[in-house]
């Protein structure tokens, strides 16, 4: 809901329940990081990705990615599977979005799209 008569620099900020709902959703400790939101979006688009793919797409280091994934897993948004590599080079992690994670991501994106920007 912009007041276009005022010009873009004076446009009013969208208010109401959508903003409050978005604020509540982003108040979730597991979503208080733009990196975790990006991980959730990437997984929602791809359903399943390796930790290496996520590191590449997010620019996170190993330790940072592990921290973000643990928070998302703790909230029930992702599932992490570790398996032994076929090449014997260590363990391979695969991360998969849960139904709860898909729903949370869809709701978040719908709320953002619903803002009259």
N, C-alpha and C. Protein backbone atom coordinates (compact mmCIF):
# COMPACT_ATOMS: atom_id res chain seq x y z
N UNK A 1 0.83 -1.18 0.00
CA UNK A 1 0.00 0.00 0.00
C UNK A 1 0.88 1.24 0.00
N UNK A 2 1.27 1.68 -1.16
CA UNK A 2 2.10 2.86 -1.27
C UNK A 2 1.24 4.06 -1.59
N UNK A 3 1.66 5.19 -1.11
CA UNK A 3 1.01 6.43 -1.48
C UNK A 3 1.86 7.02 -2.60
N UNK A 4 1.52 6.73 -3.86
CA UNK A 4 2.32 7.13 -5.01
C UNK A 4 2.33 8.64 -5.20
N UNK A 5 1.34 9.35 -4.68
CA UNK A 5 1.29 10.80 -4.85
C UNK A 5 2.44 11.49 -4.15
N UNK A 6 3.04 10.83 -3.18
CA UNK A 6 4.15 11.42 -2.45
C UNK A 6 5.48 11.20 -3.15
N UNK A 7 5.52 10.36 -4.16
CA UNK A 7 6.78 10.04 -4.83
C UNK A 7 7.45 8.86 -4.14
N UNK A 8 8.37 8.21 -4.84
CA UNK A 8 8.99 7.00 -4.29
C UNK A 8 9.77 7.24 -3.01
N UNK A 9 10.41 8.40 -2.88
CA UNK A 9 11.21 8.63 -1.68
C UNK A 9 10.35 8.85 -0.44
N UNK A 10 9.09 9.20 -0.61
CA UNK A 10 8.20 9.44 0.52
C UNK A 10 7.09 8.40 0.63
N UNK A 11 7.22 7.31 -0.10
CA UNK A 11 6.18 6.28 -0.09
C UNK A 11 6.05 5.69 1.31
N UNK A 12 4.82 5.39 1.67
CA UNK A 12 4.59 4.83 3.00
C UNK A 12 5.02 3.38 3.04
N UNK A 13 5.45 2.94 4.18
CA UNK A 13 5.87 1.56 4.39
C UNK A 13 4.62 0.71 4.54
N UNK A 14 4.58 -0.47 3.88
CA UNK A 14 3.42 -1.34 4.05
C UNK A 14 3.24 -1.70 5.52
N UNK A 15 2.01 -1.62 5.98
CA UNK A 15 1.76 -1.92 7.39
C UNK A 15 0.73 -3.02 7.48
N UNK A 16 0.40 -3.37 8.67
CA UNK A 16 -0.67 -4.32 8.87
C UNK A 16 -0.19 -5.70 9.26
N UNK A 17 -1.11 -6.62 9.14
CA UNK A 17 -0.87 -7.98 9.63
C UNK A 17 0.25 -8.69 8.88
N UNK A 18 0.42 -8.45 7.57
CA UNK A 18 1.49 -9.12 6.83
C UNK A 18 2.87 -8.76 7.38
N UNK A 19 3.07 -7.51 7.70
CA UNK A 19 4.36 -7.08 8.26
C UNK A 19 4.55 -7.71 9.64
N UNK A 20 3.52 -7.71 10.45
CA UNK A 20 3.63 -8.32 11.79
C UNK A 20 3.90 -9.82 11.68
N UNK A 21 3.23 -10.49 10.75
CA UNK A 21 3.43 -11.93 10.57
C UNK A 21 4.85 -12.21 10.07
N UNK A 22 5.34 -11.40 9.15
CA UNK A 22 6.70 -11.57 8.65
C UNK A 22 7.70 -11.33 9.78
N UNK A 23 7.48 -10.33 10.58
CA UNK A 23 8.35 -10.04 11.72
C UNK A 23 8.37 -11.21 12.71
N UNK A 24 7.21 -11.79 12.97
CA UNK A 24 7.15 -12.95 13.87
C UNK A 24 7.93 -14.13 13.28
N UNK A 25 7.74 -14.37 11.99
CA UNK A 25 8.41 -15.49 11.34
C UNK A 25 9.93 -15.29 11.36
N UNK A 26 10.38 -14.09 11.06
CA UNK A 26 11.81 -13.82 11.07
C UNK A 26 12.37 -13.73 12.48
N UNK A 27 11.50 -13.68 13.48
CA UNK A 27 11.93 -13.71 14.88
C UNK A 27 12.30 -15.11 15.34
N UNK A 28 11.97 -16.11 14.54
CA UNK A 28 12.36 -17.49 14.83
C UNK A 28 13.88 -17.54 14.87
N UNK A 29 14.48 -17.97 15.97
CA UNK A 29 15.95 -17.98 16.07
C UNK A 29 16.64 -18.72 14.92
N UNK A 30 16.00 -19.73 14.38
CA UNK A 30 16.63 -20.48 13.30
C UNK A 30 16.59 -19.71 11.98
N UNK A 31 15.80 -18.65 11.89
CA UNK A 31 15.71 -17.85 10.66
C UNK A 31 16.29 -16.46 10.84
N UNK A 32 17.04 -16.23 11.90
CA UNK A 32 17.61 -14.91 12.15
C UNK A 32 18.91 -14.67 11.41
N UNK A 33 19.20 -15.50 10.45
CA UNK A 33 20.42 -15.38 9.66
C UNK A 33 20.06 -15.43 8.18
N UNK A 34 20.58 -14.48 7.43
CA UNK A 34 20.31 -14.49 5.98
C UNK A 34 20.90 -15.75 5.34
N UNK A 35 21.98 -16.26 5.89
CA UNK A 35 22.57 -17.50 5.35
C UNK A 35 21.64 -18.67 5.56
N UNK A 36 21.01 -18.77 6.74
CA UNK A 36 20.07 -19.88 6.98
C UNK A 36 18.84 -19.75 6.09
N UNK A 37 18.38 -18.54 5.86
CA UNK A 37 17.24 -18.35 4.95
C UNK A 37 17.65 -18.77 3.54
N UNK A 38 18.86 -18.40 3.12
CA UNK A 38 19.34 -18.80 1.80
C UNK A 38 19.45 -20.32 1.69
N UNK A 39 19.96 -20.97 2.72
CA UNK A 39 20.07 -22.44 2.72
C UNK A 39 18.68 -23.05 2.59
N UNK A 40 17.71 -22.53 3.33
CA UNK A 40 16.35 -23.06 3.27
C UNK A 40 15.75 -22.87 1.88
N UNK A 41 16.00 -21.72 1.27
CA UNK A 41 15.50 -21.47 -0.09
C UNK A 41 16.17 -22.42 -1.09
N UNK A 42 17.49 -22.57 -0.99
CA UNK A 42 18.21 -23.48 -1.90
C UNK A 42 17.69 -24.91 -1.78
N UNK A 43 17.49 -25.35 -0.55
CA UNK A 43 17.00 -26.72 -0.34
C UNK A 43 15.55 -26.86 -0.79
N UNK A 44 14.77 -25.83 -0.63
CA UNK A 44 13.38 -25.89 -1.10
C UNK A 44 13.32 -25.99 -2.61
N UNK A 45 14.26 -25.36 -3.29
CA UNK A 45 14.31 -25.43 -4.75
C UNK A 45 14.84 -26.77 -5.24
N UNK A 46 15.79 -27.36 -4.50
CA UNK A 46 16.47 -28.57 -4.95
C UNK A 46 16.10 -29.83 -4.17
N UNK A 47 15.42 -29.67 -3.06
CA UNK A 47 15.00 -30.76 -2.16
C UNK A 47 16.15 -31.40 -1.41
N UNK A 48 17.28 -31.65 -2.08
CA UNK A 48 18.42 -32.31 -1.44
C UNK A 48 19.71 -31.78 -2.09
N UNK A 49 20.70 -31.49 -1.24
CA UNK A 49 22.00 -31.02 -1.74
C UNK A 49 23.10 -31.56 -0.85
N UNK A 50 24.30 -31.66 -1.40
CA UNK A 50 25.44 -32.06 -0.58
C UNK A 50 25.94 -30.84 0.19
N UNK A 51 26.66 -31.11 1.26
CA UNK A 51 27.24 -30.02 2.04
C UNK A 51 28.20 -29.21 1.17
N UNK A 52 28.93 -29.88 0.29
CA UNK A 52 29.85 -29.18 -0.62
C UNK A 52 29.10 -28.23 -1.54
N UNK A 53 27.96 -28.66 -2.06
CA UNK A 53 27.15 -27.79 -2.92
C UNK A 53 26.66 -26.57 -2.13
N UNK A 54 26.20 -26.81 -0.91
CA UNK A 54 25.72 -25.70 -0.08
C UNK A 54 26.85 -24.73 0.25
N UNK A 55 28.04 -25.25 0.56
CA UNK A 55 29.18 -24.37 0.84
C UNK A 55 29.49 -23.51 -0.38
N UNK A 56 29.47 -24.13 -1.54
CA UNK A 56 29.76 -23.41 -2.77
C UNK A 56 28.73 -22.31 -3.04
N UNK A 57 27.46 -22.63 -2.85
CA UNK A 57 26.38 -21.68 -3.14
C UNK A 57 26.28 -20.55 -2.11
N UNK A 58 26.64 -20.83 -0.87
CA UNK A 58 26.50 -19.82 0.19
C UNK A 58 27.79 -19.09 0.50
N UNK A 59 28.92 -19.68 0.12
CA UNK A 59 30.20 -19.07 0.47
C UNK A 59 30.63 -19.33 1.90
N UNK A 60 29.94 -20.22 2.58
CA UNK A 60 30.25 -20.56 3.98
C UNK A 60 31.46 -21.48 4.05
N UNK A 61 32.21 -21.36 5.14
CA UNK A 61 33.24 -22.34 5.43
C UNK A 61 32.59 -23.56 6.05
N UNK A 62 33.37 -24.62 6.23
CA UNK A 62 32.84 -25.87 6.79
C UNK A 62 32.20 -25.66 8.15
N UNK A 63 32.92 -25.04 9.06
CA UNK A 63 32.41 -24.86 10.42
C UNK A 63 31.17 -24.00 10.47
N UNK A 64 31.17 -22.94 9.69
CA UNK A 64 30.01 -22.04 9.64
C UNK A 64 28.78 -22.77 9.09
N UNK A 65 28.98 -23.55 8.02
CA UNK A 65 27.86 -24.29 7.44
C UNK A 65 27.31 -25.30 8.44
N UNK A 66 28.19 -26.00 9.13
CA UNK A 66 27.75 -26.98 10.13
C UNK A 66 26.89 -26.28 11.18
N UNK A 67 27.32 -25.12 11.64
CA UNK A 67 26.56 -24.36 12.64
C UNK A 67 25.17 -23.99 12.12
N UNK A 68 25.11 -23.48 10.90
CA UNK A 68 23.81 -23.10 10.31
C UNK A 68 22.91 -24.32 10.14
N UNK A 69 23.47 -25.42 9.65
CA UNK A 69 22.67 -26.63 9.43
C UNK A 69 22.16 -27.21 10.74
N UNK A 70 22.97 -27.16 11.79
CA UNK A 70 22.53 -27.66 13.10
C UNK A 70 21.33 -26.87 13.61
N UNK A 71 21.36 -25.55 13.41
CA UNK A 71 20.23 -24.73 13.85
C UNK A 71 18.97 -25.04 13.04
N UNK A 72 19.13 -25.21 11.73
CA UNK A 72 17.98 -25.56 10.89
C UNK A 72 17.46 -26.95 11.21
N UNK A 73 18.36 -27.88 11.49
CA UNK A 73 17.94 -29.24 11.85
C UNK A 73 17.23 -29.22 13.21
N UNK A 74 17.74 -28.45 14.14
CA UNK A 74 17.12 -28.35 15.46
C UNK A 74 15.70 -27.81 15.39
N UNK A 75 15.44 -26.95 14.42
CA UNK A 75 14.09 -26.41 14.23
C UNK A 75 13.20 -27.37 13.45
N UNK A 76 13.79 -28.43 12.89
CA UNK A 76 13.00 -29.40 12.13
C UNK A 76 12.86 -29.05 10.66
N UNK A 77 13.65 -28.08 10.18
CA UNK A 77 13.53 -27.64 8.79
C UNK A 77 14.36 -28.47 7.81
N UNK A 78 15.43 -29.10 8.30
CA UNK A 78 16.26 -29.92 7.43
C UNK A 78 16.62 -31.23 8.12
N UNK A 79 17.04 -32.18 7.32
CA UNK A 79 17.53 -33.47 7.80
C UNK A 79 18.92 -33.66 7.21
N UNK A 80 19.88 -34.02 8.06
CA UNK A 80 21.26 -34.21 7.61
C UNK A 80 21.59 -35.69 7.64
N UNK A 81 22.10 -36.19 6.53
CA UNK A 81 22.50 -37.59 6.45
C UNK A 81 23.99 -37.65 6.16
N UNK A 82 24.69 -38.45 6.93
CA UNK A 82 26.13 -38.61 6.73
C UNK A 82 26.39 -40.04 6.29
N UNK A 83 27.16 -40.17 5.23
CA UNK A 83 27.50 -41.51 4.74
C UNK A 83 28.98 -41.55 4.40
N UNK A 84 29.52 -42.73 4.40
CA UNK A 84 30.92 -42.91 4.05
C UNK A 84 31.08 -42.73 2.55
N UNK A 85 32.10 -42.00 2.17
CA UNK A 85 32.36 -41.75 0.76
C UNK A 85 32.80 -43.03 0.06
N UNK A 86 32.37 -43.21 -1.18
CA UNK A 86 32.76 -44.39 -1.95
C UNK A 86 34.26 -44.38 -2.26
N UNK A 87 34.82 -43.20 -2.33
CA UNK A 87 36.23 -43.07 -2.68
C UNK A 87 37.14 -43.21 -1.46
N UNK A 88 36.56 -43.43 -0.31
CA UNK A 88 37.35 -43.59 0.90
C UNK A 88 37.97 -42.29 1.39
N UNK A 89 37.47 -41.16 0.91
CA UNK A 89 38.06 -39.87 1.27
C UNK A 89 37.34 -39.21 2.44
N UNK A 90 36.66 -39.97 3.24
CA UNK A 90 35.97 -39.40 4.39
C UNK A 90 34.47 -39.57 4.32
N UNK A 91 33.79 -38.71 5.01
CA UNK A 91 32.33 -38.78 5.08
C UNK A 91 31.70 -37.74 4.15
N UNK A 92 30.55 -38.08 3.63
CA UNK A 92 29.81 -37.19 2.74
C UNK A 92 28.50 -36.84 3.43
N UNK A 93 28.20 -35.55 3.49
CA UNK A 93 26.94 -35.11 4.09
C UNK A 93 25.96 -34.69 3.01
N UNK A 94 24.75 -35.17 3.15
CA UNK A 94 23.66 -34.76 2.29
C UNK A 94 22.61 -34.10 3.16
N UNK A 95 22.11 -32.98 2.70
CA UNK A 95 21.12 -32.21 3.46
C UNK A 95 19.84 -32.18 2.66
N UNK A 96 18.75 -32.46 3.34
CA UNK A 96 17.44 -32.55 2.69
C UNK A 96 16.45 -31.68 3.46
N UNK A 97 15.62 -30.97 2.72
CA UNK A 97 14.61 -30.14 3.37
C UNK A 97 13.46 -31.05 3.81
N UNK A 98 12.89 -30.76 4.98
CA UNK A 98 11.73 -31.51 5.48
C UNK A 98 10.44 -30.85 4.99
N UNK A 99 9.34 -31.53 5.17
CA UNK A 99 8.04 -30.93 4.82
C UNK A 99 7.81 -29.64 5.61
N UNK A 100 8.22 -29.66 6.87
CA UNK A 100 8.10 -28.47 7.71
C UNK A 100 8.95 -27.32 7.14
N UNK A 101 10.16 -27.65 6.68
CA UNK A 101 11.03 -26.64 6.08
C UNK A 101 10.46 -26.08 4.80
N UNK A 102 9.87 -26.96 3.98
CA UNK A 102 9.22 -26.51 2.74
C UNK A 102 8.08 -25.55 3.04
N UNK A 103 7.27 -25.91 4.03
CA UNK A 103 6.14 -25.07 4.40
C UNK A 103 6.62 -23.71 4.92
N UNK A 104 7.64 -23.73 5.76
CA UNK A 104 8.17 -22.49 6.33
C UNK A 104 8.72 -21.58 5.24
N UNK A 105 9.46 -22.16 4.30
CA UNK A 105 10.03 -21.39 3.20
C UNK A 105 8.92 -20.81 2.31
N UNK A 106 7.95 -21.63 2.00
CA UNK A 106 6.83 -21.18 1.15
C UNK A 106 6.09 -20.01 1.81
N UNK A 107 5.83 -20.14 3.09
CA UNK A 107 5.14 -19.08 3.83
C UNK A 107 5.96 -17.80 3.83
N UNK A 108 7.24 -17.93 4.08
CA UNK A 108 8.13 -16.76 4.11
C UNK A 108 8.12 -16.05 2.76
N UNK A 109 8.30 -16.81 1.68
CA UNK A 109 8.33 -16.20 0.36
C UNK A 109 6.98 -15.59 -0.03
N UNK A 110 5.87 -16.22 0.35
CA UNK A 110 4.55 -15.66 0.06
C UNK A 110 4.34 -14.34 0.81
N UNK A 111 4.81 -14.30 2.04
CA UNK A 111 4.67 -13.05 2.82
C UNK A 111 5.50 -11.93 2.19
N UNK A 112 6.69 -12.25 1.74
CA UNK A 112 7.52 -11.23 1.12
C UNK A 112 6.88 -10.78 -0.19
N UNK A 113 6.40 -11.73 -1.00
CA UNK A 113 5.75 -11.39 -2.26
C UNK A 113 4.49 -10.56 -2.04
N UNK A 114 3.82 -10.80 -0.92
CA UNK A 114 2.57 -10.10 -0.63
C UNK A 114 2.75 -8.65 -0.24
N UNK A 115 3.97 -8.26 0.04
CA UNK A 115 4.21 -6.86 0.39
C UNK A 115 4.09 -6.02 -0.86
N UNK A 116 3.45 -4.90 -0.76
CA UNK A 116 3.27 -4.01 -1.91
C UNK A 116 4.49 -3.10 -2.00
N UNK A 117 5.51 -3.62 -2.65
CA UNK A 117 6.79 -2.87 -2.73
C UNK A 117 6.92 -2.17 -4.05
